[in-house]
C-alpha atoms as a PDB file:
ATOM      1  CA  MET A   1      36.134  24.631  63.276  1.00  0.00           C
ATOM      2  CA  ARG A   2      38.186  25.867  66.059  1.00  0.00           C
ATOM      3  CA  ALA A   3      41.597  27.424  65.216  1.00  0.00           C
ATOM      4  CA  ILE A   4      43.262  25.340  67.332  1.00  0.00           C
ATOM      5  CA  ILE A   5      41.783  22.180  65.684  1.00  0.00           C
ATOM      6  CA  LYS A   6      42.632  23.729  62.219  1.00  0.00           C
ATOM      7  CA  SER A   7      46.019  24.165  63.559  1.00  0.00           C
ATOM      8  CA  ALA A   8      46.409  20.613  65.247  1.00  0.00           C
ATOM      9  CA  LEU A   9      44.864  18.761  61.936  1.00  0.00           C
ATOM     10  CA  ALA A  10      47.894  20.623  59.736  1.00  0.00           C
ATOM     11  CA  ILE A  11      50.343  18.800  61.940  1.00  0.00           C
ATOM     12  CA  ASN A  12      50.451  14.916  60.492  1.00  0.00           C
ATOM     13  CA  GLU A  13      51.544  13.287  63.435  1.00  0.00           C
ATOM     14  CA  LEU A  14      49.127  15.235  65.948  1.00  0.00           C
ATOM     15  CA  ALA A  15      46.337  14.640  63.389  1.00  0.00           C
ATOM     16  CA  PHE A  16      47.237  10.998  63.291  1.00  0.00           C
ATOM     17  CA  ASN A  17      47.294  10.716  67.289  1.00  0.00           C
ATOM     18  CA  LEU A  18      44.013  12.781  67.756  1.00  0.00           C
ATOM     19  CA  LYS A  19      42.333  10.710  65.129  1.00  0.00           C
ATOM     20  CA  ASN A  20      43.198   7.429  66.655  1.00  0.00           C
ATOM     21  CA  ILE A  21      42.477   8.548  70.406  1.00  0.00           C
ATOM     22  CA  SER A  22      39.258  10.314  69.288  1.00  0.00           C
ATOM     23  CA  ILE A  23      38.163   6.700  67.899  1.00  0.00           C
ATOM     24  CA  ASP A  24      39.163   5.067  71.280  1.00  0.00           C
ATOM     25  CA  ASP A  25      37.329   7.865  73.190  1.00  0.00           C
ATOM     26  CA  LYS A  26      34.235   7.756  70.816  1.00  0.00           C
ATOM     27  CA  LYS A  27      34.642  11.193  70.564  1.00  0.00           C
ATOM     28  CA  GLU A  28      34.899  13.644  67.605  1.00  0.00           C
ATOM     29  CA  ILE A  29      38.379  15.666  67.666  1.00  0.00           C
ATOM     30  CA  ASP A  30      36.532  19.065  68.101  1.00  0.00           C
ATOM     31  CA  GLU A  31      35.169  17.884  71.452  1.00  0.00           C
ATOM     32  CA  TYR A  32      38.359  17.816  73.065  1.00  0.00           C
ATOM     33  CA  THR A  33      39.259  21.063  74.903  1.00  0.00           C
ATOM     34  CA  ASP A  34      42.343  23.267  73.992  1.00  0.00           C
ATOM     35  CA  SER A  35      44.047  22.169  76.981  1.00  0.00           C
ATOM     36  CA  GLU A  36      43.650  18.440  75.754  1.00  0.00           C
ATOM     37  CA  ILE A  37      44.866  19.187  72.263  1.00  0.00           C
ATOM     38  CA  VAL A  38      47.961  21.214  73.956  1.00  0.00           C
ATOM     39  CA  ARG A  39      48.850  18.090  76.078  1.00  0.00           C
ATOM     40  CA  GLU A  40      48.507  15.683  72.985  1.00  0.00           C
ATOM     41  CA  ALA A  41      50.681  18.098  71.119  1.00  0.00           C
ATOM     42  CA  GLN A  42      53.281  18.041  74.081  1.00  0.00           C
ATOM     43  CA  TYR A  43      53.260  14.165  74.064  1.00  0.00           C
ATOM     44  CA  VAL A  44      53.965  13.972  70.185  1.00  0.00           C
ATOM     45  CA  LEU A  45      56.637  16.593  70.533  1.00  0.00           C
ATOM     46  CA  ASN A  46      58.162  14.594  72.955  1.00  0.00           C
ATOM     47  CA  LEU A  47      58.353  11.410  70.872  1.00  0.00           C
ATOM     48  CA  PHE A  48      60.486  13.607  68.513  1.00  0.00           C
ATOM     49  CA  LEU A  49      62.840  14.832  71.056  1.00  0.00           C
ATOM     50  CA  ASP A  50      63.229  12.045  73.800  1.00  0.00           C
ATOM     51  CA  ALA A  51      65.678   9.346  72.678  1.00  0.00           C
ATOM     52  CA  SER A  52      64.406   7.308  75.733  1.00  0.00           C
ATOM     53  CA  GLU A  53      60.927   6.695  74.370  1.00  0.00           C
ATOM     54  CA  GLY A  54      62.715   4.696  71.464  1.00  0.00           C
ATOM     55  CA  HIS A  55      60.201   5.883  69.022  1.00  0.00           C
ATOM     56  CA  ALA A  56      60.703   6.092  64.872  1.00  0.00           C
ATOM     57  CA  ASN A  57      59.821   9.691  65.351  1.00  0.00           C
ATOM     58  CA  PHE A  58      63.259  10.520  67.319  1.00  0.00           C
ATOM     59  CA  ASP A  59      65.199   8.369  64.338  1.00  0.00           C
ATOM     60  CA  ASP A  60      63.615  10.501  62.100  1.00  0.00           C
ATOM     61  CA  TRP A  61      64.346  13.697  63.791  1.00  0.00           C
ATOM     62  CA  SER A  62      68.018  12.920  64.577  1.00  0.00           C
ATOM     63  CA  GLY A  63      68.454  11.821  61.087  1.00  0.00           C
ATOM     64  CA  GLU A  64      68.894   8.016  61.374  1.00  0.00           C
ATOM     65  CA  GLY A  65      65.804   7.788  58.774  1.00  0.00           C
ATOM     66  CA  GLY A  66      67.746   9.451  56.026  1.00  0.00           C
ATOM     67  CA  PRO A  67      67.765  13.563  55.216  1.00  0.00           C
ATOM     68  CA  ASP A  68      63.978  13.652  53.742  1.00  0.00           C
ATOM     69  CA  ALA A  69      62.739  12.032  56.784  1.00  0.00           C
ATOM     70  CA  GLN A  70      64.694  14.330  58.805  1.00  0.00           C
ATOM     71  CA  LYS A  71      63.445  17.257  57.042  1.00  0.00           C
ATOM     72  CA  LEU A  72      59.843  16.249  57.846  1.00  0.00           C
ATOM     73  CA  ALA A  73      60.517  15.336  61.381  1.00  0.00           C
ATOM     74  CA  ARG A  74      62.240  19.014  61.847  1.00  0.00           C
ATOM     75  CA  GLY A  75      58.827  20.685  60.338  1.00  0.00           C
ATOM     76  CA  GLU A  76      56.634  18.548  62.265  1.00  0.00           C
ATOM     77  CA  VAL A  77      58.788  19.653  65.502  1.00  0.00           C
ATOM     78  CA  ARG A  78      58.798  23.301  64.212  1.00  0.00           C
ATOM     79  CA  LYS A  79      54.687  23.378  63.941  1.00  0.00           C
ATOM     80  CA  LEU A  80      54.341  21.457  67.133  1.00  0.00           C
ATOM     81  CA  LYS A  81      56.470  23.908  69.038  1.00  0.00           C
ATOM     82  CA  ALA A  82      54.566  27.005  67.357  1.00  0.00           C
ATOM     83  CA  LEU A  83      51.152  25.244  68.443  1.00  0.00           C
ATOM     84  CA  ILE A  84      52.047  24.651  71.898  1.00  0.00           C
ATOM     85  CA  LYS A  85      53.532  28.298  72.545  1.00  0.00           C
ATOM     86  CA  LYS A  86      50.277  29.711  70.962  1.00  0.00           C
ATOM     87  CA  TYR A  87      47.773  27.873  72.690  1.00  0.00           C
ATOM     88  CA  HIS A  88      49.812  27.217  76.076  1.00  0.00           C
END
């Protein structure tokens, strides 16, 4: 398994999205290019950081979901940023 795939699957929200789109695309996750995985990571990161999206991830990141949810969301954001920086 490629390193980027291992890293991506270690990020809960990104792993969830990749699994869903792979079902829709009728592909295995490891068939996606590094570029496609980075783009999906950027999309998931945006769901956490952009209030205009109206996504529950933003609510968790901003603390509206409570301190435990905020801690988890901030960890996801940290991992997403690291993956994007490493593979972009």
